[in-house]
Every structure is written in C-alpha cells, then in structure tokens.
Amino acid sequence: MLGLETSCDETAAAVVERGRVLGQSVATQIPIHRRFGGVVPEVAARNHLMTVLPTIEAALAQACVAPQALGGIAVTARPGLIGALLVGVQTANALAWAWHKPVIGVDHTAAHVWSAMLRPPGLDADDWPRPRLPFAALAVSGGHTSLYRVNGPAELVLLGRTLDDAAGEAFDKFGKLIGLPYPAGPEVDRLAAQGRVGQVRLPRGMLGRSDGAYSFSGLKTAVRMHVASQYASGALPTGAERANLCADFQAAVVEQLLRVTLDSVRRHRLRDLVVAGGVAANCGLRAGFAEACARARVRFWPVAPAYCGDNGAMVACLGEALLRAGHRDDPFTLDAQATGEVRRAATVPAAGAP
C-alpha cells in the first residue's frame, strides 16, 4: 500500500506491507514556516505541489516497488488545511486512475491512532506485539487532542476531546510566549529535562470533571500572565528560569492528559492504551504515561517516535487495513475535507452507564 500525507506542512509518502514499512520519504517545510512563527496555508499548499511527486518516487525507489505491484493508494483526505489536502487527494486520484489501483481516503487522526499497528523500526521479528481490540487511543498533536475507543480500522468511538487548544498547539503558543522558535514542542521538552518542577505555580486544568474533556486555554493564559508580571520590561526568561518554566508547563500538560485519559480508560473498562501523534514523542509524556499505566495495570502502547509526527506510513497502514475490510473510494469523486469526524465516529456513555 502506498500512503500519501499532505494535510499540513509535511509532504510524506511510504510503502507498507502488513504493517512493515518498506520505504518512506518526507519533505518537511518546517524551515520555510519557521520565519513566520507557524504554518502559512497557502505557502504549504504551493510547496506540496513542488514536492509531492518526487516524494512518492523516493518512497517507491526505497521500497524497490513498482507501481504495478501496489495493492492500492491511501491518502489523507481529512481533516487539515484544505489547499494542502487537495494536492494529496488529487494526486492520489490521478495515480489511482492511471495505475488502475483502488484509492482509499483516510482520516488524519485515525491514521495517527492506527500507527500503533506499524512494526517499530529496528524490530526484525515477523510477528510483534500490538494492542488488542478494542483499545483506547489518545491522539495528541498540534491540531488534535482526542480520546477514542478503537473497535477496528473503520470504527473509532469518541470518548473525549479538548474544548479549546490541542496540546501540541498549547506547546507552540507557550514557546512563542517565551521566545522559542517554531515548532516549540521539542525545545520545550529538552529544556524541561533541565528544569525543576515546582518553581512556578501553574494551574492544573479540568479538575473535578468526569466527562473526558481536556482544556489548555487556561494554562496558556496563566503562563502569559506570569510572563507579563515577572518580565514587565519586555525581557524574556532565560537560562534556569526558562528551563524551570518549561518544566512546570510540561508537567501541567502531562498531568492533565494523564488524569483525564486514565479516568476515561477506567470508566470504559479498557485495558490497552495507545498514545499517538506528534506530542506522543515528548519524553516527559512518555515517561509519565509509562509509570501511570503500570500503576493502573493498563497496557501502554506508545507509538514509535519515528511514526509520531505526520508521515506516510501511518496513512498506508490504515489504508491497508481499510482495503482488507472492503473499503475503497471512487477516484472521480474522492475529495478533500478541511474538517470532519473520523469514519463512523460517535460518542458513547461509559461502561455500565444508562
């Protein structure tokens, strides 16, 4: 299965067979957007146009797979930046028609979640441990913070989501407040490891609730007020002060994610938890979830860091599973959608609730 991802600022393609990544290529736009402090949609779409075909060619060449040997083409069709999505979807439609292959439009968030089914890099065994269905999956990235019960590749049931900012978005906005370059998440993680938690008192959001909701806007506001009061001259924190602020901010985000997620996992009586998406590569988050899940006797399945960010392998992996389940789209009608829920998503009460 060839997978194509162009939902934001990464042009990515990969070839996957039964969860094994045979070849992949990514053309990142981070250096282009860094000077703007964030992704500019029109700039992203134009760069996808220039890189999409060379990226596909590189993935096929690395996999040593000819187009004729492909079983199908999977492409991110929703959600994302509409111009960026259109480049990927129309490219996939054209190639499916030209190569006489089925095309499958997949949901970006569902692809992140299903990336837990990819064989981790460096693992040579033909069989490798994977979460058992149904499992809980936290999709946590720059654009998404949602918890699902995953019953299969075509059925993700929504258990909870953020009411405002996504966790990754909060990391980037926090980084901008204290003068870190875009994307701020990896730098905040690095600095947090050097800092001391407890030096800055930041609020822990969503206390006393049991509806599975997350929220990070109040934390962001608290940081802005702290910076404004402590650095009224316009200077920004540096050195140990900045590291301590990063440590407290990251601890506040991770603590909320842990508390809300594990509360939902217990209420819905699930035993396996997948954590996926760009923020899932955060070292503090991975360590916190590993420890908390061990105490709660929940099997923790962090997606391999190589597949946490936007990539073509996750799209191909989900597309392969959907194709085996009988799903396919018409290359003449498949279109991009800037918004939209995952396939067959719904909300359900907790286990035992009326």
Protein backbone atom coordinates (compact mmCIF):
# COMPACT_ATOMS: atom_id res chain seq x y z
CA MET A 1 0.00 0.00 0.00
CA LEU A 2 1.25 3.44 -0.94
CA GLY A 3 0.37 6.11 1.65
CA LEU A 4 0.36 9.84 0.94
CA GLU A 5 0.13 12.57 3.61
CA THR A 6 -0.16 16.30 2.82
CA SER A 7 -2.55 17.62 5.48
CA CYS A 8 -0.27 20.35 6.85
CA ASP A 9 3.43 21.13 6.41
CA GLU A 10 4.90 17.69 5.67
CA THR A 11 4.83 16.04 2.26
CA ALA A 12 5.19 12.36 3.15
CA ALA A 13 4.89 9.09 1.27
CA ALA A 14 5.53 5.49 2.32
CA VAL A 15 5.06 1.93 1.14
CA VAL A 16 3.75 -0.51 3.76
CA GLU A 17 3.02 -4.23 3.61
CA ARG A 18 1.15 -5.84 6.53
CA GLY A 19 2.48 -3.23 8.96
CA ARG A 20 6.08 -3.38 7.68
CA VAL A 21 7.45 -0.13 6.31
CA LEU A 22 9.30 -0.98 3.09
CA GLY A 23 10.20 2.58 2.15
CA GLN A 24 9.32 6.14 3.13
CA SER A 25 10.20 9.72 2.31
CA VAL A 26 9.35 13.04 3.98
CA ALA A 27 9.84 16.56 2.62
CA THR A 28 9.49 18.87 5.62
CA GLN A 29 8.52 22.52 5.39
CA ILE A 30 9.49 23.48 8.95
CA PRO A 31 12.41 25.73 7.89
CA ILE A 32 10.09 27.54 5.47
CA HIS A 33 7.36 28.25 8.04
CA ARG A 34 9.68 28.94 11.00
CA ARG A 35 10.27 32.52 9.87
CA PHE A 36 6.51 33.14 10.10
CA GLY A 37 6.19 31.57 13.55
CA GLY A 38 3.67 28.99 12.27
CA VAL A 39 2.24 27.33 9.19
CA VAL A 40 1.02 29.59 6.37
CA PRO A 41 -1.63 27.54 4.49
CA GLU A 42 -1.04 28.99 1.00
CA VAL A 43 2.73 28.57 1.31
CA ALA A 44 2.22 24.97 2.48
CA ALA A 45 -0.02 24.10 -0.49
CA ARG A 46 2.41 25.55 -3.02
CA ASN A 47 5.31 23.60 -1.55
CA HIS A 48 3.30 20.37 -1.58
CA LEU A 49 2.81 20.91 -5.32
CA MET A 50 6.57 21.03 -5.83
CA THR A 51 7.47 18.07 -3.62
CA VAL A 52 4.61 15.56 -3.88
CA LEU A 53 5.75 13.60 -6.96
CA PRO A 54 9.48 13.48 -6.03
CA THR A 55 8.49 12.30 -2.53
CA ILE A 56 6.35 9.47 -3.93
CA GLU A 57 9.12 8.46 -6.33
CA ALA A 58 11.64 8.39 -3.47
CA ALA A 59 9.41 6.15 -1.32
CA LEU A 60 8.79 3.70 -4.17
CA ALA A 61 12.50 3.62 -5.01
CA GLN A 62 13.50 2.96 -1.40
CA ALA A 63 10.96 0.14 -1.20
CA CYS A 64 12.07 -1.26 -4.57
CA VAL A 65 8.40 -1.47 -5.54
CA ALA A 66 7.00 -0.65 -8.98
CA PRO A 67 3.55 0.98 -9.24
CA GLN A 68 2.21 -2.20 -10.83
CA ALA A 69 2.98 -4.14 -7.62
CA LEU A 70 0.93 -1.86 -5.38
CA GLY A 71 -2.33 -3.10 -3.93
CA GLY A 72 -3.75 0.39 -3.60
CA ILE A 73 -3.16 4.03 -2.71
CA ALA A 74 -4.19 5.59 0.59
CA VAL A 75 -4.28 9.36 1.09
CA THR A 76 -5.17 11.71 3.89
CA ALA A 77 -8.49 13.25 2.84
CA ARG A 78 -9.50 14.96 6.10
CA PRO A 79 -9.07 16.99 8.26
CA GLY A 80 -6.36 19.55 7.53
CA LEU A 81 -5.51 22.63 5.50
CA ILE A 82 -7.81 22.46 2.51
CA GLY A 83 -5.24 23.57 -0.08
CA ALA A 84 -2.66 21.12 1.25
CA LEU A 85 -5.18 18.26 1.35
CA LEU A 86 -6.27 18.94 -2.22
CA VAL A 87 -2.73 18.44 -3.50
CA GLY A 88 -2.52 14.98 -1.94
CA VAL A 89 -6.05 13.86 -2.76
CA GLN A 90 -5.96 14.91 -6.39
CA THR A 91 -2.51 13.37 -6.84
CA ALA A 92 -3.73 10.08 -5.36
CA ASN A 93 -6.86 10.14 -7.52
CA ALA A 94 -4.82 10.72 -10.67
CA LEU A 95 -2.33 7.97 -9.87
CA ALA A 96 -5.11 5.52 -8.95
CA TRP A 97 -6.79 6.15 -12.29
CA ALA A 98 -3.52 5.95 -14.26
CA TRP A 99 -2.23 2.85 -12.46
CA HIS A 100 -5.64 1.11 -12.21
CA LYS A 101 -5.41 0.86 -8.42
CA PRO A 102 -8.03 1.34 -5.70
CA VAL A 103 -7.83 4.58 -3.72
CA ILE A 104 -8.79 4.98 -0.05
CA GLY A 105 -9.28 8.36 1.60
CA VAL A 106 -8.37 8.17 5.29
CA ASP A 107 -8.82 10.41 8.30
CA HIS A 108 -5.64 12.02 9.58
CA THR A 109 -6.42 11.44 13.26
CA ALA A 110 -7.46 7.83 12.67
CA ALA A 111 -4.18 7.26 10.81
CA HIS A 112 -2.22 8.53 13.82
CA VAL A 113 -4.15 6.15 16.06
CA TRP A 114 -3.70 3.15 13.75
CA SER A 115 0.07 3.78 13.51
CA ALA A 116 0.32 1.64 16.66
CA MET A 117 -0.06 -1.29 14.22
CA LEU A 118 3.18 -0.42 12.41
CA ARG A 119 6.21 -2.56 13.13
CA PRO A 120 8.64 -0.48 15.24
CA PRO A 121 11.87 0.49 13.42
CA GLY A 122 14.74 -1.89 14.13
CA LEU A 123 12.50 -4.82 15.07
CA ASP A 124 13.28 -7.76 12.79
CA ALA A 125 10.72 -10.24 14.10
CA ASP A 126 7.96 -11.17 11.65
CA ASP A 127 5.45 -11.01 14.48
CA TRP A 128 5.48 -8.19 17.02
CA PRO A 129 3.23 -7.26 19.94
CA ARG A 130 0.33 -4.94 19.16
CA PRO A 131 -2.62 -3.61 21.18
CA ARG A 132 -5.68 -5.81 21.27
CA LEU A 133 -9.04 -4.56 20.03
CA PRO A 134 -10.89 -2.78 21.41
CA PHE A 135 -8.32 -0.37 22.83
CA ALA A 136 -8.23 3.24 23.98
CA ALA A 137 -6.23 5.67 21.87
CA LEU A 138 -5.18 9.21 22.74
CA ALA A 139 -4.43 11.25 19.62
CA VAL A 140 -2.38 14.20 20.83
CA SER A 141 -0.78 16.57 18.35
CA GLY A 142 -0.66 20.18 17.20
CA GLY A 143 -4.18 20.00 15.84
CA HIS A 144 -5.83 17.23 17.86
CA THR A 145 -6.34 16.09 21.42
CA SER A 146 -8.99 13.38 21.40
CA LEU A 147 -9.52 10.05 23.11
CA TYR A 148 -11.16 7.16 21.24
CA ARG A 149 -12.22 3.59 21.78
CA VAL A 150 -10.90 1.77 18.73
CA ASN A 151 -13.07 -1.16 17.71
CA GLY A 152 -11.37 -1.61 14.32
CA PRO A 153 -9.85 0.39 11.46
CA ALA A 154 -13.27 1.68 10.40
CA GLU A 155 -14.78 2.34 13.82
CA LEU A 156 -13.38 4.86 16.29
CA VAL A 157 -15.75 5.87 19.07
CA LEU A 158 -15.13 9.30 20.57
CA LEU A 159 -14.71 9.24 24.36
CA GLY A 160 -13.43 12.78 24.96
CA ARG A 161 -11.74 15.75 23.32
CA THR A 162 -10.28 19.17 24.01
CA LEU A 163 -12.69 22.06 24.44
CA ASP A 164 -10.19 24.59 23.05
CA ASP A 165 -6.49 24.28 22.21
CA ALA A 166 -4.88 20.99 21.27
CA ALA A 167 -1.94 20.02 23.49
CA GLY A 168 0.61 20.50 20.70
CA GLU A 169 -0.91 23.87 19.86
CA ALA A 170 -0.54 24.85 23.53
CA PHE A 171 3.15 23.86 23.42
CA ASP A 172 3.73 26.02 20.35
CA LYS A 173 1.87 29.03 21.79
CA PHE A 174 3.74 28.67 25.08
CA GLY A 175 7.05 28.51 23.22
CA LYS A 176 6.20 31.66 21.30
CA LEU A 177 5.40 33.46 24.57
CA ILE A 178 8.87 32.75 25.95
CA GLY A 179 10.76 33.31 22.69
CA LEU A 180 11.32 29.76 21.43
CA PRO A 181 11.38 29.02 17.68
CA TYR A 182 8.57 27.17 15.88
CA PRO A 183 7.84 24.31 16.38
CA ALA A 184 8.39 24.76 20.11
CA GLY A 185 7.40 21.30 21.36
CA PRO A 186 10.78 19.54 21.01
CA GLU A 187 12.66 22.52 22.51
CA VAL A 188 10.25 22.73 25.47
CA ASP A 189 10.79 19.00 26.07
CA ARG A 190 14.58 19.46 26.01
CA LEU A 191 14.53 22.44 28.36
CA ALA A 192 12.03 20.78 30.70
CA ALA A 193 14.52 17.96 31.29
CA GLN A 194 16.98 20.58 32.56
CA GLY A 195 14.49 22.42 34.78
CA ARG A 196 12.88 21.79 38.17
CA VAL A 197 9.15 21.26 38.58
CA GLY A 198 7.54 23.35 41.32
CA GLN A 199 9.42 26.59 40.79
CA VAL A 200 6.43 28.17 39.03
CA ARG A 201 2.86 27.51 40.17
CA LEU A 202 0.73 26.82 37.10
CA PRO A 203 -2.89 25.58 37.25
CA ARG A 204 -3.96 22.01 36.55
CA GLY A 205 -6.99 22.13 34.31
CA MET A 206 -10.26 20.15 34.31
CA LEU A 207 -10.17 19.11 37.96
CA GLY A 208 -13.35 17.57 39.33
CA ARG A 209 -14.79 16.62 35.93
CA SER A 210 -15.56 13.17 34.58
CA ASP A 211 -16.76 13.87 31.04
CA GLY A 212 -13.46 13.11 29.28
CA ALA A 213 -12.88 16.74 28.26
CA TYR A 214 -9.46 18.40 28.07
CA SER A 215 -8.64 22.12 28.12
CA PHE A 216 -5.38 24.05 27.82
CA SER A 217 -6.52 27.65 27.25
CA GLY A 218 -6.48 28.47 30.97
CA LEU A 219 -2.94 27.16 31.32
CA LYS A 220 -1.86 29.25 28.35
CA THR A 221 -3.43 32.35 29.91
CA ALA A 222 -1.72 31.66 33.24
CA VAL A 223 1.67 31.49 31.52
CA ARG A 224 1.01 34.74 29.66
CA MET A 225 0.07 36.50 32.90
CA HIS A 226 3.13 35.09 34.68
CA VAL A 227 5.48 36.26 31.92
CA ALA A 228 3.83 39.70 31.83
CA SER A 229 4.13 40.15 35.60
CA GLN A 230 7.65 38.77 36.02
CA TYR A 231 9.18 40.35 32.95
CA ALA A 232 7.40 43.70 32.69
CA SER A 233 10.39 45.28 30.99
CA GLY A 234 9.80 43.13 27.92
CA ALA A 235 12.69 40.78 28.56
CA LEU A 236 12.00 37.05 28.39
CA PRO A 237 13.12 34.29 30.77
CA THR A 238 16.49 32.73 30.04
CA GLY A 239 18.74 30.08 31.49
CA ALA A 240 17.49 28.25 34.58
CA GLU A 241 14.34 30.42 34.79
CA ARG A 242 13.27 29.42 31.30
CA ALA A 243 14.07 25.74 31.95
CA ASN A 244 12.02 25.79 35.17
CA LEU A 245 9.09 27.43 33.38
CA CYS A 246 9.25 24.78 30.65
CA ALA A 247 9.36 22.01 33.27
CA ASP A 248 6.28 23.34 35.05
CA PHE A 249 4.35 23.94 31.85
CA GLN A 250 5.11 20.46 30.52
CA ALA A 251 4.24 18.90 33.88
CA ALA A 252 0.86 20.69 33.88
CA VAL A 253 0.03 19.46 30.36
CA VAL A 254 1.14 15.89 31.04
CA GLU A 255 -0.65 15.75 34.40
CA GLN A 256 -3.97 16.72 32.82
CA LEU A 257 -3.55 14.32 29.91
CA LEU A 258 -2.73 11.50 32.34
CA ARG A 259 -5.57 12.18 34.75
CA VAL A 260 -8.34 12.67 32.20
CA THR A 261 -7.21 9.83 29.94
CA LEU A 262 -6.77 7.17 32.61
CA ASP A 263 -10.06 8.18 34.25
CA SER A 264 -11.82 7.58 30.91
CA VAL A 265 -9.95 4.31 30.33
CA ARG A 266 -11.12 3.03 33.73
CA ARG A 267 -14.71 4.16 33.22
CA HIS A 268 -14.92 2.42 29.85
CA ARG A 269 -13.14 -0.71 31.13
CA LEU A 270 -10.37 -0.78 28.54
CA ARG A 271 -7.05 -2.50 29.19
CA ASP A 272 -4.85 -1.20 26.36
CA LEU A 273 -3.93 2.44 25.76
CA VAL A 274 -2.28 3.78 22.62
CA VAL A 275 -0.78 7.28 22.65
CA ALA A 276 -0.16 8.68 19.17
CA GLY A 277 0.52 11.96 17.38
CA GLY A 278 3.35 14.48 17.39
CA VAL A 279 3.16 15.19 21.14
CA ALA A 280 3.47 11.44 21.81
CA ALA A 281 7.19 11.83 21.05
CA ASN A 282 7.55 14.06 24.14
CA CYS A 283 9.90 12.33 26.59
CA GLY A 284 8.14 13.66 29.68
CA LEU A 285 4.78 12.49 28.41
CA ARG A 286 6.05 9.00 27.51
CA ALA A 287 7.71 8.56 30.91
CA GLY A 288 4.66 9.84 32.77
CA PHE A 289 2.23 7.59 30.92
CA ALA A 290 4.50 4.54 31.28
CA GLU A 291 4.65 4.97 35.05
CA ALA A 292 0.96 5.78 35.49
CA CYS A 293 -0.21 2.92 33.26
CA ALA A 294 1.97 0.45 35.16
CA ARG A 295 0.33 1.55 38.42
CA ALA A 296 -3.15 1.32 36.87
CA ARG A 297 -2.40 -2.06 35.26
CA VAL A 298 -3.14 -0.70 31.82
CA ARG A 299 -1.00 -1.89 28.91
CA PHE A 300 0.71 1.18 27.45
CA TRP A 301 1.44 1.31 23.70
CA PRO A 302 3.35 4.46 22.76
CA VAL A 303 3.73 4.85 19.00
CA ALA A 304 7.37 4.66 17.93
CA PRO A 305 8.85 8.19 17.79
CA ALA A 306 9.62 7.70 14.09
CA TYR A 307 5.87 7.49 13.41
CA CYS A 308 4.58 10.09 15.88
CA GLY A 309 4.83 13.06 13.50
CA ASP A 310 2.92 13.29 10.24
CA ASN A 311 4.13 10.51 7.95
CA GLY A 312 3.02 8.41 5.01
CA ALA A 313 3.47 5.08 6.82
CA MET A 314 0.54 5.68 9.16
CA VAL A 315 -1.69 6.57 6.20
CA ALA A 316 -0.63 3.46 4.29
CA CYS A 317 -1.10 1.24 7.35
CA LEU A 318 -4.67 2.42 7.94
CA GLY A 319 -5.42 2.34 4.21
CA GLU A 320 -4.23 -1.26 4.00
CA ALA A 321 -6.48 -2.27 6.90
CA LEU A 322 -9.48 -0.46 5.40
CA LEU A 323 -8.91 -2.04 1.99
CA ARG A 324 -8.81 -5.51 3.58
CA ALA A 325 -12.09 -4.66 5.32
CA GLY A 326 -13.67 -3.84 1.94
CA HIS A 327 -13.43 -0.03 1.93
CA ARG A 328 -12.48 1.88 -1.19
CA ASP A 329 -13.30 5.24 -2.74
CA ASP A 330 -14.03 6.41 -6.27
CA PRO A 331 -11.06 8.36 -7.73
CA PHE A 332 -13.56 10.50 -9.65
CA THR A 333 -15.43 11.60 -6.53
CA LEU A 334 -12.99 11.38 -3.59
CA ASP A 335 -12.47 14.94 -2.34
CA ALA A 336 -10.65 16.74 0.44
CA GLN A 337 -12.47 17.90 3.59
CA ALA A 338 -10.94 20.54 5.83
CA THR A 339 -12.97 19.29 8.81
CA GLY A 340 -14.91 16.16 9.66
CA GLU A 341 -15.14 13.34 12.13
CA VAL A 342 -13.30 10.07 11.81
CA ARG A 343 -15.09 7.32 9.92
CA ARG A 344 -18.18 6.13 11.84
CA ALA A 345 -17.22 8.10 14.95
CA ALA A 346 -19.75 8.54 17.73
CA THR A 347 -19.88 9.27 21.44
CA VAL A 348 -20.96 6.64 23.94
CA PRO A 349 -21.63 6.50 27.70
CA ALA A 350 -19.18 4.80 30.00
CA ALA A 351 -19.48 1.07 30.53
CA GLY A 352 -22.43 0.32 32.79
CA ALA A 353 -23.99 3.76 32.32
CA PRO A 354 -27.63 4.02 31.14
